[in-house]
PDB file of N, CA and C in Angstrom:
ATOM      1  N   MET A   1      -3.433  13.151  -1.240  1.00  0.00           N
ATOM      2  CA  MET A   1      -4.291  12.608  -2.225  1.00  0.00           C
ATOM      3  C   MET A   1      -4.908  11.230  -2.225  1.00  0.00           C
ATOM      4  N   ILE A   2      -5.933  10.722  -2.317  1.00  0.00           N
ATOM      5  CA  ILE A   2      -6.036   9.547  -2.187  1.00  0.00           C
ATOM      6  C   ILE A   2      -5.747   8.568  -3.601  1.00  0.00           C
ATOM      7  N   GLY A   3      -5.566   7.614  -3.356  1.00  0.00           N
ATOM      8  CA  GLY A   3      -5.213   6.646  -4.284  1.00  0.00           C
ATOM      9  C   GLY A   3      -6.025   6.395  -5.745  1.00  0.00           C
ATOM     10  N   TYR A   4      -5.777   5.497  -6.337  1.00  0.00           N
ATOM     11  CA  TYR A   4      -6.353   5.159  -7.805  1.00  0.00           C
ATOM     12  C   TYR A   4      -7.755   5.020  -7.608  1.00  0.00           C
ATOM     13  N   ILE A   5      -8.859   5.350  -8.073  1.00  0.00           N
ATOM     14  CA  ILE A   5     -10.220   4.910  -7.877  1.00  0.00           C
ATOM     15  C   ILE A   5     -10.914   4.324  -9.123  1.00  0.00           C
ATOM     16  N   PHE A   6     -11.526   3.173  -8.995  1.00  0.00           N
ATOM     17  CA  PHE A   6     -12.108   2.355  -9.944  1.00  0.00           C
ATOM     18  C   PHE A   6     -13.657   2.137  -9.596  1.00  0.00           C
ATOM     19  N   GLN A   7     -14.086   2.215 -11.095  1.00  0.00           N
ATOM     20  CA  GLN A   7     -15.894   2.086 -11.303  1.00  0.00           C
ATOM     21  C   GLN A   7     -15.973   0.502 -10.892  1.00  0.00           C
ATOM     22  N   PHE A   8     -16.933   0.202 -10.125  1.00  0.00           N
ATOM     23  CA  PHE A   8     -17.066  -1.396 -10.336  1.00  0.00           C
ATOM     24  C   PHE A   8     -18.854  -1.180 -10.419  1.00  0.00           C
ATOM     25  N   THR A   9     -18.824  -1.560 -11.921  1.00  0.00           N
ATOM     26  CA  THR A   9     -20.395  -1.386 -12.444  1.00  0.00           C
ATOM     27  C   THR A   9     -21.521  -2.071 -11.354  1.00  0.00           C
ATOM     28  N   GLY A  10     -22.413  -1.199 -11.506  1.00  0.00           N
ATOM     29  CA  GLY A  10     -23.440  -1.319 -10.346  1.00  0.00           C
ATOM     30  C   GLY A  10     -23.445  -1.219  -8.907  1.00  0.00           C
ATOM     31  N   HIS A  11     -22.112  -0.825  -8.770  1.00  0.00           N
ATOM     32  CA  HIS A  11     -21.607  -0.848  -7.236  1.00  0.00           C
ATOM     33  C   HIS A  11     -21.008   0.190  -6.786  1.00  0.00           C
ATOM     34  N   GLY A  12     -20.838   1.521  -7.943  1.00  0.00           N
ATOM     35  CA  GLY A  12     -19.933   2.771  -7.246  1.00  0.00           C
ATOM     36  C   GLY A  12     -18.744   2.278  -7.756  1.00  0.00           C
ATOM     37  N   ALA A  13     -18.064   3.570  -7.132  1.00  0.00           N
ATOM     38  CA  ALA A  13     -16.588   3.699  -7.137  1.00  0.00           C
ATOM     39  C   ALA A  13     -16.028   3.445  -6.320  1.00  0.00           C
ATOM     40  N   PHE A  14     -14.662   2.988  -6.122  1.00  0.00           N
ATOM     41  CA  PHE A  14     -13.911   2.692  -4.847  1.00  0.00           C
ATOM     42  C   PHE A  14     -12.426   3.407  -5.065  1.00  0.00           C
ATOM     43  N   ALA A  15     -12.309   3.934  -3.802  1.00  0.00           N
ATOM     44  CA  ALA A  15     -10.780   3.861  -3.508  1.00  0.00           C
ATOM     45  C   ALA A  15     -10.164   3.395  -2.789  1.00  0.00           C
ATOM     46  N   PRO A  16      -8.981   3.378  -2.326  1.00  0.00           N
ATOM     47  CA  PRO A  16      -8.310   2.444  -1.430  1.00  0.00           C
ATOM     48  C   PRO A  16      -8.791   2.312   0.164  1.00  0.00           C
ATOM     49  N   HIS A  17      -9.329   3.391   0.264  1.00  0.00           N
ATOM     50  CA  HIS A  17     -10.180   3.568   1.496  1.00  0.00           C
ATOM     51  C   HIS A  17     -11.526   3.045   1.745  1.00  0.00           C
ATOM     52  N   GLY A  18     -12.319   2.978   0.620  1.00  0.00           N
ATOM     53  CA  GLY A  18     -13.530   2.541   0.261  1.00  0.00           C
ATOM     54  C   GLY A  18     -14.473   3.203  -0.707  1.00  0.00           C
ATOM     55  N   ARG A  19     -15.634   3.339  -0.561  1.00  0.00           N
ATOM     56  CA  ARG A  19     -16.225   3.664  -1.443  1.00  0.00           C
ATOM     57  C   ARG A  19     -16.686   5.409  -1.679  1.00  0.00           C
ATOM     58  N   VAL A  20     -16.449   5.656  -2.621  1.00  0.00           N
ATOM     59  CA  VAL A  20     -16.438   7.288  -2.607  1.00  0.00           C
ATOM     60  C   VAL A  20     -17.710   7.792  -3.801  1.00  0.00           C
ATOM     61  N   GLU A  21     -17.640   8.833  -3.419  1.00  0.00           N
ATOM     62  CA  GLU A  21     -18.961   9.659  -4.731  1.00  0.00           C
ATOM     63  C   GLU A  21     -18.575  10.591  -5.746  1.00  0.00           C
ATOM     64  N   MET A  22     -18.361   9.857  -7.082  1.00  0.00           N
ATOM     65  CA  MET A  22     -17.746  10.867  -7.769  1.00  0.00           C
ATOM     66  C   MET A  22     -17.960  10.074  -9.045  1.00  0.00           C
ATOM     67  N   THR A  23     -18.610  11.172 -10.416  1.00  0.00           N
ATOM     68  CA  THR A  23     -18.694  10.985 -11.151  1.00  0.00           C
ATOM     69  C   THR A  23     -17.414  10.218 -12.095  1.00  0.00           C
ATOM     70  N   PRO A  24     -18.009   9.276 -13.418  1.00  0.00           N
ATOM     71  CA  PRO A  24     -16.870   9.185 -14.186  1.00  0.00           C
ATOM     72  C   PRO A  24     -15.678   9.918 -14.526  1.00  0.00           C
ATOM     73  N   ASP A  25     -16.154  10.950 -14.835  1.00  0.00           N
ATOM     74  CA  ASP A  25     -15.597  12.237 -15.649  1.00  0.00           C
ATOM     75  C   ASP A  25     -14.640  12.790 -14.406  1.00  0.00           C
ATOM     76  N   GLN A  26     -14.785  12.767 -13.065  1.00  0.00           N
ATOM     77  CA  GLN A  26     -13.991  13.010 -11.831  1.00  0.00           C
ATOM     78  C   GLN A  26     -13.279  11.892 -11.483  1.00  0.00           C
ATOM     79  N   ILE A  27     -13.386  10.837 -12.063  1.00  0.00           N
ATOM     80  CA  ILE A  27     -12.741   9.738 -11.294  1.00  0.00           C
ATOM     81  C   ILE A  27     -11.569   9.793 -12.574  1.00  0.00           C
ATOM     82  N   GLU A  28     -11.754  10.164 -13.748  1.00  0.00           N
ATOM     83  CA  GLU A  28     -10.780   9.910 -14.838  1.00  0.00           C
ATOM     84  C   GLU A  28      -9.905  11.070 -14.746  1.00  0.00           C
ATOM     85  N   ALA A  29     -10.320  12.010 -14.129  1.00  0.00           N
ATOM     86  CA  ALA A  29      -9.615  13.363 -13.979  1.00  0.00           C
ATOM     87  C   ALA A  29      -8.443  13.047 -12.841  1.00  0.00           C
ATOM     88  N   HIS A  30      -9.042  12.598 -11.942  1.00  0.00           N
ATOM     89  CA  HIS A  30      -8.312  12.257 -10.812  1.00  0.00           C
ATOM     90  C   HIS A  30      -7.033  11.016 -11.068  1.00  0.00           C
ATOM     91  N   ASN A  31      -7.529   9.969 -11.600  1.00  0.00           N
ATOM     92  CA  ASN A  31      -6.691   9.080 -11.973  1.00  0.00           C
ATOM     93  C   ASN A  31      -5.353   9.566 -12.810  1.00  0.00           C
ATOM     94  N   ALA A  32      -6.080  10.613 -13.947  1.00  0.00           N
ATOM     95  CA  ALA A  32      -4.822  11.259 -14.903  1.00  0.00           C
ATOM     96  C   ALA A  32      -3.755  12.006 -13.688  1.00  0.00           C
ATOM     97  N   GLN A  33      -4.557  12.829 -13.060  1.00  0.00           N
ATOM     98  CA  GLN A  33      -3.554  13.582 -12.136  1.00  0.00           C
ATOM     99  C   GLN A  33      -2.511  12.804 -11.426  1.00  0.00           C
ATOM    100  N   LEU A  34      -3.106  11.871 -10.793  1.00  0.00           N
ATOM    101  CA  LEU A  34      -2.269  10.923  -9.726  1.00  0.00           C
ATOM    102  C   LEU A  34      -1.469  10.390 -10.667  1.00  0.00           C
ATOM    103  N   GLU A  35      -1.333   9.834 -11.734  1.00  0.00           N
ATOM    104  CA  GLU A  35      -0.618   9.189 -12.775  1.00  0.00           C
ATOM    105  C   GLU A  35       0.341  10.165 -13.038  1.00  0.00           C
ATOM    106  N   ARG A  36       0.233  11.245 -13.612  1.00  0.00           N
ATOM    107  CA  ARG A  36       1.156  12.232 -14.016  1.00  0.00           C
ATOM    108  C   ARG A  36       2.117  12.987 -12.946  1.00  0.00           C
ATOM    109  N   GLN A  37       1.468  12.496 -11.336  1.00  0.00           N
ATOM    110  CA  GLN A  37       2.557  12.716 -10.177  1.00  0.00           C
ATOM    111  C   GLN A  37       3.273  11.417 -10.267  1.00  0.00           C
ATOM    112  N   GLU A  38       2.975  10.238 -10.702  1.00  0.00           N
ATOM    113  CA  GLU A  38       3.866   9.166 -10.659  1.00  0.00           C
ATOM    114  C   GLU A  38       4.942   8.824 -11.748  1.00  0.00           C
ATOM    115  N   LEU A  39       4.301   9.527 -12.746  1.00  0.00           N
ATOM    116  CA  LEU A  39       5.507   9.526 -13.887  1.00  0.00           C
ATOM    117  C   LEU A  39       6.571  11.003 -13.480  1.00  0.00           C
ATOM    118  N   ALA A  40       6.164  11.737 -12.912  1.00  0.00           N
ATOM    119  CA  ALA A  40       6.839  12.933 -12.562  1.00  0.00           C
ATOM    120  C   ALA A  40       8.046  11.971 -11.613  1.00  0.00           C
ATOM    121  N   ALA A  41       7.342  11.597 -10.908  1.00  0.00           N
ATOM    122  CA  ALA A  41       8.485  10.714  -9.511  1.00  0.00           C
ATOM    123  C   ALA A  41       9.477   9.727 -10.369  1.00  0.00           C
ATOM    124  N   TRP A  42       9.005   9.163 -11.317  1.00  0.00           N
ATOM    125  CA  TRP A  42       9.650   8.094 -12.369  1.00  0.00           C
ATOM    126  C   TRP A  42      10.931   8.446 -12.681  1.00  0.00           C
ATOM    127  N   ALA A  43      10.651   9.760 -13.561  1.00  0.00           N
ATOM    128  CA  ALA A  43      11.397  10.807 -14.281  1.00  0.00           C
ATOM    129  C   ALA A  43      12.953  11.328 -13.285  1.00  0.00           C
ATOM    130  N   GLU A  44      12.561  10.943 -12.250  1.00  0.00           N
ATOM    131  CA  GLU A  44      13.697  11.846 -11.076  1.00  0.00           C
ATOM    132  C   GLU A  44      14.618  10.154 -10.775  1.00  0.00           C
ATOM    133  N   LYS A  45      14.123   9.105 -11.388  1.00  0.00           N
ATOM    134  CA  LYS A  45      15.223   7.727 -10.914  1.00  0.00           C
ATOM    135  C   LYS A  45      15.105   7.736  -9.490  1.00  0.00           C
ATOM    136  N   PRO A  46      13.890   7.572  -8.997  1.00  0.00           N
ATOM    137  CA  PRO A  46      13.554   7.200  -7.762  1.00  0.00           C
ATOM    138  C   PRO A  46      14.348   5.955  -7.237  1.00  0.00           C
ATOM    139  N   THR A  47      14.688   5.647  -5.902  1.00  0.00           N
ATOM    140  CA  THR A  47      15.544   4.652  -5.634  1.00  0.00           C
ATOM    141  C   THR A  47      14.738   3.210  -5.325  1.00  0.00           C
ATOM    142  N   THR A  48      13.421   3.336  -5.043  1.00  0.00           N
ATOM    143  CA  THR A  48      12.045   2.434  -5.209  1.00  0.00           C
ATOM    144  C   THR A  48      11.022   3.065  -5.790  1.00  0.00           C
ATOM    145  N   PHE A  49      10.165   1.785  -6.256  1.00  0.00           N
ATOM    146  CA  PHE A  49       9.076   2.315  -6.856  1.00  0.00           C
ATOM    147  C   PHE A  49       8.230   0.953  -7.294  1.00  0.00           C
ATOM    148  N   ASN A  50       6.957   1.179  -7.061  1.00  0.00           N
ATOM    149  CA  ASN A  50       5.922   0.162  -7.414  1.00  0.00           C
ATOM    150  C   ASN A  50       5.704   0.073  -9.063  1.00  0.00           C
ATOM    151  N   ALA A  51       5.665  -1.000  -9.528  1.00  0.00           N
ATOM    152  CA  ALA A  51       5.271  -0.816 -11.093  1.00  0.00           C
ATOM    153  C   ALA A  51       4.205  -2.353 -11.217  1.00  0.00           C
ATOM    154  N   TYR A  52       3.428  -2.478 -12.367  1.00  0.00           N
ATOM    155  CA  TYR A  52       2.782  -3.458 -12.480  1.00  0.00           C
ATOM    156  C   TYR A  52       3.383  -4.441 -13.810  1.00  0.00           C
ATOM    157  N   VAL A  53       3.730  -5.717 -13.635  1.00  0.00           N
ATOM    158  CA  VAL A  53       4.393  -6.431 -14.665  1.00  0.00           C
ATOM    159  C   VAL A  53       3.224  -6.860 -15.907  1.00  0.00           C
ATOM    160  N   SER A  54       3.516  -6.652 -16.984  1.00  0.00           N
ATOM    161  CA  SER A  54       2.551  -6.463 -18.160  1.00  0.00           C
ATOM    162  C   SER A  54       2.870  -8.116 -19.005  1.00  0.00           C
ATOM    163  N   THR A  55       1.733  -8.558 -19.660  1.00  0.00           N
ATOM    164  CA  THR A  55       2.070  -9.795 -20.542  1.00  0.00           C
ATOM    165  C   THR A  55       3.245  -9.440 -21.490  1.00  0.00           C
ATOM    166  N   ASP A  56       3.398  -8.193 -21.946  1.00  0.00           N
ATOM    167  CA  ASP A  56       4.573  -7.773 -22.979  1.00  0.00           C
ATOM    168  C   ASP A  56       5.895  -7.566 -22.523  1.00  0.00           C
ATOM    169  N   SER A  57       6.203  -8.656 -21.477  1.00  0.00           N
ATOM    170  CA  SER A  57       7.425  -8.021 -20.769  1.00  0.00           C
ATOM    171  C   SER A  57       7.954  -6.566 -20.424  1.00  0.00           C
ATOM    172  N   SER A  58       7.328  -5.809 -20.360  1.00  0.00           N
ATOM    173  CA  SER A  58       7.130  -4.553 -19.985  1.00  0.00           C
ATOM    174  C   SER A  58       6.425  -4.330 -18.215  1.00  0.00           C
ATOM    175  N   VAL A  59       7.112  -3.330 -17.720  1.00  0.00           N
ATOM    176  CA  VAL A  59       6.578  -2.680 -16.306  1.00  0.00           C
ATOM    177  C   VAL A  59       5.972  -1.497 -16.541  1.00  0.00           C
ATOM    178  N   THR A  60       4.572  -1.197 -16.199  1.00  0.00           N
ATOM    179  CA  THR A  60       3.541  -0.011 -16.403  1.00  0.00           C
ATOM    180  C   THR A  60       2.856   0.459 -15.237  1.00  0.00           C
ATOM    181  N   THR A  61       2.463   1.538 -15.076  1.00  0.00           N
ATOM    182  CA  THR A  61       1.867   2.089 -14.358  1.00  0.00           C
ATOM    183  C   THR A  61       0.383   1.463 -13.931  1.00  0.00           C
ATOM    184  N   TRP A  62      -0.437   1.718 -13.118  1.00  0.00           N
ATOM    185  CA  TRP A  62      -1.350   0.955 -12.905  1.00  0.00           C
ATOM    186  C   TRP A  62      -2.339   1.217 -13.969  1.00  0.00           C
ATOM    187  N   ARG A  63      -2.377   2.314 -14.795  1.00  0.00           N
ATOM    188  CA  ARG A  63      -3.088   2.789 -15.809  1.00  0.00           C
ATOM    189  C   ARG A  63      -2.698   1.993 -17.222  1.00  0.00           C
ATOM    190  N   GLY A  64      -1.524   1.838 -17.056  1.00  0.00           N
ATOM    191  CA  GLY A  64      -0.919   1.117 -18.504  1.00  0.00           C
ATOM    192  C   GLY A  64       0.331   1.670 -19.038  1.00  0.00           C
ATOM    193  N   THR A  65       0.460   3.225 -18.517  1.00  0.00           N
ATOM    194  CA  THR A  65       1.710   3.328 -19.011  1.00  0.00           C
ATOM    195  C   THR A  65       3.095   2.820 -18.812  1.00  0.00           C
ATOM    196  N   LYS A  66       3.765   2.718 -19.705  1.00  0.00           N
ATOM    197  CA  LYS A  66       4.833   1.862 -19.968  1.00  0.00           C
ATOM    198  C   LYS A  66       5.962   2.633 -19.157  1.00  0.00           C
ATOM    199  N   LEU A  67       6.820   2.011 -18.221  1.00  0.00           N
ATOM    200  CA  LEU A  67       7.894   2.803 -17.605  1.00  0.00           C
ATOM    201  C   LEU A  67       9.393   1.989 -17.659  1.00  0.00           C
ATOM    202  N   GLY A  68       9.321   1.082 -18.375  1.00  0.00           N
ATOM    203  CA  GLY A  68      10.465   0.167 -19.116  1.00  0.00           C
ATOM    204  C   GLY A  68      10.331  -1.386 -19.426  1.00  0.00           C
ATOM    205  N   HIS A  69      11.134  -1.791 -19.863  1.00  0.00           N
ATOM    206  CA  HIS A  69      11.235  -3.237 -20.269  1.00  0.00           C
ATOM    207  C   HIS A  69      11.987  -4.425 -19.429  1.00  0.00           C
ATOM    208  N   ILE A  70      11.579  -5.510 -19.428  1.00  0.00           N
ATOM    209  CA  ILE A  70      12.181  -6.538 -18.480  1.00  0.00           C
ATOM    210  C   ILE A  70      13.049  -7.009 -19.463  1.00  0.00           C
ATOM    211  N   VAL A  71      14.548  -7.209 -19.118  1.00  0.00           N
ATOM    212  CA  VAL A  71      15.579  -7.538 -19.648  1.00  0.00           C
ATOM    213  C   VAL A  71      16.327  -8.817 -19.397  1.00  0.00           C
ATOM    214  N   TYR A  72      15.713  -9.127 -18.004  1.00  0.00           N
ATOM    215  CA  TYR A  72      16.155 -10.714 -17.523  1.00  0.00           C
ATOM    216  C   TYR A  72      15.067 -11.052 -16.347  1.00  0.00           C
ATOM    217  N   ARG A  73      14.936 -12.493 -16.480  1.00  0.00           N
ATOM    218  CA  ARG A  73      13.948 -12.637 -15.566  1.00  0.00           C
ATOM    219  C   ARG A  73      14.197 -14.233 -14.907  1.00  0.00           C
ATOM    220  N   SER A  74      13.803 -14.573 -13.806  1.00  0.00           N
ATOM    221  CA  SER A  74      14.127 -15.745 -13.559  1.00  0.00           C
ATOM    222  C   SER A  74      13.237 -16.453 -12.512  1.00  0.00           C
ATOM    223  N   CYS A  75      12.403 -17.573 -12.590  1.00  0.00           N
ATOM    224  CA  CYS A  75      11.530 -18.026 -12.192  1.00  0.00           C
ATOM    225  C   CYS A  75      12.110 -18.890 -11.216  1.00  0.00           C
ATOM    226  N   TYR A  76      11.284 -19.082  -9.745  1.00  0.00           N
ATOM    227  CA  TYR A  76      11.590 -20.059  -8.664  1.00  0.00           C
ATOM    228  C   TYR A  76      10.316 -20.129  -7.954  1.00  0.00           C
ATOM    229  N   ARG A  77      10.491 -21.352  -7.273  1.00  0.00           N
ATOM    230  CA  ARG A  77       9.264 -21.783  -6.395  1.00  0.00           C
ATOM    231  C   ARG A  77       9.270 -21.491  -4.667  1.00  0.00           C
ATOM    232  N   HIS A  78       8.214 -20.920  -4.233  1.00  0.00           N
ATOM    233  CA  HIS A  78       8.401 -20.612  -2.822  1.00  0.00           C
ATOM    234  C   HIS A  78       8.164 -21.979  -2.033  1.00  0.00           C
ATOM    235  N   ASN A  79       8.651 -22.220  -0.638  1.00  0.00           N
ATOM    236  CA  ASN A  79       8.260 -23.924  -0.014  1.00  0.00           C
ATOM    237  C   ASN A  79       6.772 -24.165  -0.307  1.00  0.00           C
ATOM    238  N   PHE A  80       5.768 -23.033  -0.043  1.00  0.00           N
ATOM    239  CA  PHE A  80       4.233 -23.700  -0.295  1.00  0.00           C
ATOM    240  C   PHE A  80       4.259 -23.606  -1.767  1.00  0.00           C
ATOM    241  N   GLY A  81       5.336 -23.759  -2.973  1.00  0.00           N
ATOM    242  CA  GLY A  81       4.934 -24.216  -4.345  1.00  0.00           C
ATOM    243  C   GLY A  81       4.243 -22.942  -5.028  1.00  0.00           C
ATOM    244  N   ILE A  82       4.316 -21.727  -4.323  1.00  0.00           N
ATOM    245  CA  ILE A  82       3.859 -20.231  -5.174  1.00  0.00           C
ATOM    246  C   ILE A  82       5.113 -20.052  -6.011  1.00  0.00           C
ATOM    247  N   ARG A  83       5.060 -19.561  -7.137  1.00  0.00           N
ATOM    248  CA  ARG A  83       5.687 -18.984  -8.238  1.00  0.00           C
ATOM    249  C   ARG A  83       6.386 -17.860  -8.070  1.00  0.00           C
ATOM    250  N   PHE A  84       7.639 -17.403  -8.031  1.00  0.00           N
ATOM    251  CA  PHE A  84       7.810 -16.220  -7.809  1.00  0.00           C
ATOM    252  C   PHE A  84       8.891 -15.914  -9.182  1.00  0.00           C
ATOM    253  N   GLU A  85       9.119 -14.210  -9.455  1.00  0.00           N
ATOM    254  CA  GLU A  85       9.875 -14.326 -10.521  1.00  0.00           C
ATOM    255  C   GLU A  85      10.885 -12.841 -10.013  1.00  0.00           C
ATOM    256  N   ALA A  86      12.206 -13.017 -10.425  1.00  0.00           N
ATOM    257  CA  ALA A  86      12.954 -12.339 -10.039  1.00  0.00           C
ATOM    258  C   ALA A  86      13.385 -11.439 -11.608  1.00  0.00           C
ATOM    259  N   ILE A  87      12.779 -10.118 -11.435  1.00  0.00           N
ATOM    260  CA  ILE A  87      13.361  -9.480 -12.999  1.00  0.00           C
ATOM    261  C   ILE A  87      14.389  -8.291 -12.637  1.00  0.00           C
ATOM    262  N   THR A  88      14.661  -8.164 -14.140  1.00  0.00           N
ATOM    263  CA  THR A  88      15.632  -6.974 -13.880  1.00  0.00           C
ATOM    264  C   THR A  88      15.198  -5.748 -15.097  1.00  0.00           C
ATOM    265  N   VAL A  89      14.864  -4.527 -14.916  1.00  0.00           N
ATOM    266  CA  VAL A  89      14.484  -3.727 -15.652  1.00  0.00           C
ATOM    267  C   VAL A  89      14.896  -2.589 -16.047  1.00  0.00           C
ATOM    268  N   ARG A  90      14.758  -2.243 -17.562  1.00  0.00           N
ATOM    269  CA  ARG A  90      15.791  -1.322 -17.857  1.00  0.00           C
ATOM    270  C   ARG A  90      14.483  -0.301 -18.066  1.00  0.00           C
ATOM    271  N   GLY A  91      14.696   0.779 -17.160  1.00  0.00           N
ATOM    272  CA  GLY A  91      13.406   1.783 -17.190  1.00  0.00           C
ATOM    273  C   GLY A  91      13.954   2.694 -18.255  1.00  0.00           C
ATOM    274  N   ASN A  92      12.812   3.415 -18.695  1.00  0.00           N
ATOM    275  CA  ASN A  92      12.649   4.215 -19.646  1.00  0.00           C
ATOM    276  C   ASN A  92      13.184   5.736 -19.273  1.00  0.00           C
ATOM    277  N   ASN A  93      13.356   5.792 -17.901  1.00  0.00           N
ATOM    278  CA  ASN A  93      14.186   6.821 -17.006  1.00  0.00           C
ATOM    279  C   ASN A  93      15.635   6.847 -17.417  1.00  0.00           C
ATOM    280  N   GLY A  94      16.231   5.607 -17.708  1.00  0.00           N
ATOM    281  CA  GLY A  94      17.599   5.585 -17.886  1.00  0.00           C
ATOM    282  C   GLY A  94      18.070   4.841 -16.674  1.00  0.00           C
ATOM    283  N   ALA A  95      17.199   4.207 -15.705  1.00  0.00           N
ATOM    284  CA  ALA A  95      17.592   3.580 -14.692  1.00  0.00           C
ATOM    285  C   ALA A  95      17.770   1.981 -14.892  1.00  0.00           C
ATOM    286  N   ILE A  96      18.538   1.129 -14.011  1.00  0.00           N
ATOM    287  CA  ILE A  96      18.201  -0.375 -14.051  1.00  0.00           C
ATOM    288  C   ILE A  96      17.503  -0.598 -12.711  1.00  0.00           C
ATOM    289  N   TYR A  97      16.454  -1.763 -12.732  1.00  0.00           N
ATOM    290  CA  TYR A  97      15.906  -1.722 -11.401  1.00  0.00           C
ATOM    291  C   TYR A  97      15.790  -3.406 -11.187  1.00  0.00           C
ATOM    292  N   HIS A  98      15.795  -3.710 -10.076  1.00  0.00           N
ATOM    293  CA  HIS A  98      15.374  -5.391  -9.659  1.00  0.00           C
ATOM    294  C   HIS A  98      14.247  -5.302  -8.770  1.00  0.00           C
ATOM    295  N   GLY A  99      13.557  -6.468  -8.905  1.00  0.00           N
ATOM    296  CA  GLY A  99      12.542  -6.708  -8.223  1.00  0.00           C
ATOM    297  C   GLY A  99      12.069  -8.008  -8.258  1.00  0.00           C
ATOM    298  N   ARG A 100      11.213  -8.465  -7.551  1.00  0.00           N
ATOM    299  CA  ARG A 100      10.174  -9.964  -7.493  1.00  0.00           C
ATOM    300  C   ARG A 100       8.804  -9.771  -7.314  1.00  0.00           C
ATOM    301  N   TYR A 101       8.396 -10.713  -8.007  1.00  0.00           N
ATOM    302  CA  TYR A 101       6.679 -10.877  -7.711  1.00  0.00           C
ATOM    303  C   TYR A 101       6.152 -12.128  -7.684  1.00  0.00           C
ATOM    304  N   SER A 102       5.239 -11.947  -7.056  1.00  0.00           N
ATOM    305  CA  SER A 102       4.443 -13.443  -7.067  1.00  0.00           C
ATOM    306  C   SER A 102       3.774 -13.575  -8.838  1.00  0.00           C
ATOM    307  N   MET A 103       4.123 -14.825  -9.380  1.00  0.00           N
ATOM    308  CA  MET A 103       3.507 -14.770 -10.608  1.00  0.00           C
ATOM    309  C   MET A 103       1.862 -15.401 -10.722  1.00  0.00           C
ATOM    310  N   ASP A 104       1.875 -15.764  -9.395  1.00  0.00           N
ATOM    311  CA  ASP A 104       0.376 -16.776  -9.071  1.00  0.00           C
ATOM    312  C   ASP A 104      -0.549 -15.706  -8.698  1.00  0.00           C
ATOM    313  N   ASN A 105      -0.447 -14.703  -8.150  1.00  0.00           N
ATOM    314  CA  ASN A 105      -1.259 -13.991  -7.224  1.00  0.00           C
ATOM    315  C   ASN A 105      -1.220 -12.760  -7.700  1.00  0.00           C
ATOM    316  N   GLN A 106      -0.245 -12.064  -8.157  1.00  0.00           N
ATOM    317  CA  GLN A 106      -0.020 -10.459  -8.216  1.00  0.00           C
ATOM    318  C   GLN A 106       0.513 -10.125  -9.811  1.00  0.00           C
ATOM    319  N   GLN A 107       0.324  -8.866  -9.890  1.00  0.00           N
ATOM    320  CA  GLN A 107       1.188  -8.516 -11.017  1.00  0.00           C
ATOM    321  C   GLN A 107       2.067  -7.310 -10.717  1.00  0.00           C
ATOM    322  N   ILE A 108       1.842  -6.761  -9.191  1.00  0.00           N
ATOM    323  CA  ILE A 108       2.364  -5.592  -8.561  1.00  0.00           C
ATOM    324  C   ILE A 108       3.999  -5.994  -8.182  1.00  0.00           C
ATOM    325  N   VAL A 109       4.918  -5.301  -8.588  1.00  0.00           N
ATOM    326  CA  VAL A 109       6.396  -5.228  -8.295  1.00  0.00           C
ATOM    327  C   VAL A 109       7.405  -4.335  -7.400  1.00  0.00           C
ATOM    328  N   HIS A 110       7.776  -4.197  -6.571  1.00  0.00           N
ATOM    329  CA  HIS A 110       8.408  -3.457  -5.880  1.00  0.00           C
ATOM    330  C   HIS A 110       9.814  -3.276  -6.525  1.00  0.00           C
ATOM    331  N   LEU A 111       9.895  -1.951  -7.010  1.00  0.00           N
ATOM    332  CA  LEU A 111      11.562  -2.173  -7.622  1.00  0.00           C
ATOM    333  C   LEU A 111      12.324  -1.345  -7.099  1.00  0.00           C
ATOM    334  N   ARG A 112      13.524  -1.952  -6.881  1.00  0.00           N
ATOM    335  CA  ARG A 112      14.572  -1.157  -6.346  1.00  0.00           C
ATOM    336  C   ARG A 112      15.717  -0.923  -7.303  1.00  0.00           C
ATOM    337  N   LYS A 113      16.329   0.430  -7.053  1.00  0.00           N
ATOM    338  CA  LYS A 113      17.233   0.976  -8.096  1.00  0.00           C
ATOM    339  C   LYS A 113      18.593   0.186  -7.870  1.00  0.00           C
ATOM    340  N   SER A 114      18.970  -0.236  -9.159  1.00  0.00           N
ATOM    341  CA  SER A 114      20.609  -0.861  -8.960  1.00  0.00           C
ATOM    342  C   SER A 114      21.658  -0.106  -8.648  1.00  0.00           C
ATOM    343  N   ARG A 115      22.284  -0.589  -7.662  1.00  0.00           N
ATOM    344  CA  ARG A 115      23.732   0.620  -7.363  1.00  0.00           C
ATOM    345  C   ARG A 115      24.553   0.815  -8.815  1.00  0.00           C
ATOM    346  N   LYS A 116      24.503  -0.036  -9.819  1.00  0.00           N
ATOM    347  CA  LYS A 116      25.426   0.038 -10.938  1.00  0.00           C
ATOM    348  C   LYS A 116      24.951   0.683 -11.743  1.00  0.00           C
ATOM    349  N   ALA A 117      23.456   1.477 -11.781  1.00  0.00           N
ATOM    350  CA  ALA A 117      22.784   2.524 -12.739  1.00  0.00           C
ATOM    351  C   ALA A 117      23.389   3.555 -12.386  1.00  0.00           C
TER     352      ALA A 117
END
């Protein structure tokens, strides 16, 4: 299955591999199915998982479904001045995860399951 598809107004629909021809209803059904698969994988407490940092101190799927809450965060700067944030997440699946992301140019965080969980 291809990744998430988004509609770019006036320019069509795009998937990770490029432009696709789909109706808005087909796009919604595809994205909903993909999110269901991700949530099923999340429920199994995976060792790694990609999530998105939200402004309300939570991590979510690409579509915004909450996966957990950030319980610890620490900001530091890279040698080139870019701000990074290390976070600890208590997942709603019962596991603890750690990860870091660039606060200046992205929201995606690669989470790794804690050995203590």
